[in-house]
Protein backbone atom coordinates (compact mmCIF):
# COMPACT_ATOMS: atom_id res chain seq x y z
CA MET A 1 0.00 0.00 0.00
CA THR A 2 1.32 3.41 -0.90
CA PHE A 3 1.07 6.58 1.15
CA GLU A 4 -1.42 8.05 -1.35
CA GLU A 5 -3.65 4.97 -1.11
CA LEU A 6 -3.51 5.13 2.68
CA ARG A 7 -4.18 8.89 2.65
CA VAL A 8 -7.40 8.45 0.66
CA LEU A 9 -8.54 5.59 2.90
CA MET A 10 -7.75 7.48 6.11
CA ALA A 11 -9.50 10.63 4.88
CA ASP A 12 -12.57 8.54 4.07
CA VAL A 13 -12.62 6.72 7.42
CA PHE A 14 -11.77 9.82 9.46
CA GLU A 15 -14.14 11.98 7.37
CA CYS A 16 -11.53 14.69 6.93
CA ASP A 17 -9.71 16.54 4.19
CA PRO A 18 -6.97 14.33 2.67
CA ALA A 19 -4.58 17.27 3.15
CA GLN A 20 -4.77 16.61 6.91
CA ILE A 21 -3.19 13.20 6.35
CA THR A 22 0.50 13.98 5.98
CA PRO A 23 3.38 11.49 5.76
CA ASP A 24 4.08 12.07 9.46
CA ALA A 25 0.47 12.31 10.71
CA THR A 26 -0.40 10.97 14.17
CA PRO A 27 -3.47 11.08 16.42
CA ASN A 28 -2.06 14.37 17.74
CA THR A 29 -2.22 16.01 14.31
CA VAL A 30 -5.54 14.61 13.02
CA ALA A 31 -8.50 15.57 15.23
CA ALA A 32 -10.74 12.72 14.05
CA TRP A 33 -8.11 10.04 14.75
CA ASP A 34 -9.51 8.27 17.80
CA SER A 35 -9.57 4.66 18.95
CA LEU A 36 -12.94 3.86 17.39
CA ARG A 37 -12.01 5.27 14.00
CA LEU A 38 -8.64 3.55 14.18
CA LEU A 39 -10.48 0.24 14.46
CA ASP A 40 -12.62 1.26 11.47
CA LEU A 41 -9.40 2.08 9.61
CA LEU A 42 -7.93 -1.33 10.42
CA LEU A 43 -11.01 -3.02 8.97
CA ALA A 44 -10.95 -0.79 5.89
CA ILE A 45 -7.26 -1.50 5.31
CA GLU A 46 -7.83 -5.24 5.60
CA GLN A 47 -10.59 -5.07 3.02
CA GLU A 48 -8.80 -2.68 0.65
CA ALA A 49 -5.38 -4.34 0.79
CA SER A 50 -6.66 -7.94 1.11
CA VAL A 51 -4.57 -8.54 4.22
CA GLU A 52 -5.21 -9.70 7.75
CA ILE A 53 -3.71 -7.67 10.58
CA SER A 54 -3.71 -8.98 14.13
CA PRO A 55 -5.89 -6.83 16.43
CA GLU A 56 -2.94 -6.70 18.84
CA ARG A 57 -1.06 -4.58 16.28
CA ILE A 58 -3.60 -1.75 16.53
CA GLU A 59 -1.66 -0.33 19.49
CA GLU A 60 1.31 0.14 17.13
CA MET A 61 -0.76 2.00 14.51
CA MET A 62 -0.07 5.47 15.91
CA SER A 63 1.51 7.13 12.88
CA VAL A 64 1.26 6.97 9.11
CA PRO A 65 4.74 5.37 8.76
CA ALA A 66 3.84 2.72 11.36
CA ILE A 67 0.57 1.90 9.59
CA LEU A 68 2.32 1.59 6.23
CA ALA A 69 4.98 -0.68 7.74
CA ILE A 70 2.38 -2.95 9.35
CA VAL A 71 0.28 -3.15 6.17
CA ASN A 72 3.25 -3.86 3.92
CA GLU A 73 4.58 -6.43 6.38
CA ALA A 74 1.19 -8.18 6.33
CA LYS A 75 1.15 -8.13 2.52
CA ALA A 76 4.61 -9.72 2.43
CA ALA A 77 3.59 -12.52 4.84
């Protein structure tokens, strides 16, 4: 998954302007990024990228780079 693909997905799930999703975005920089929407994002990523991500990894999904790493790691598995 590329940053641009993730940006579009995050903007859709978080219902925000894609410009808010920067390469270094975190819950501190995106107002709509909360635990419930992060779970929604996990489900959307799994569907979009055809991967399965362990729910335990959600705690690690606290930045755009971390999310990309987890998704790409899951795709490689």
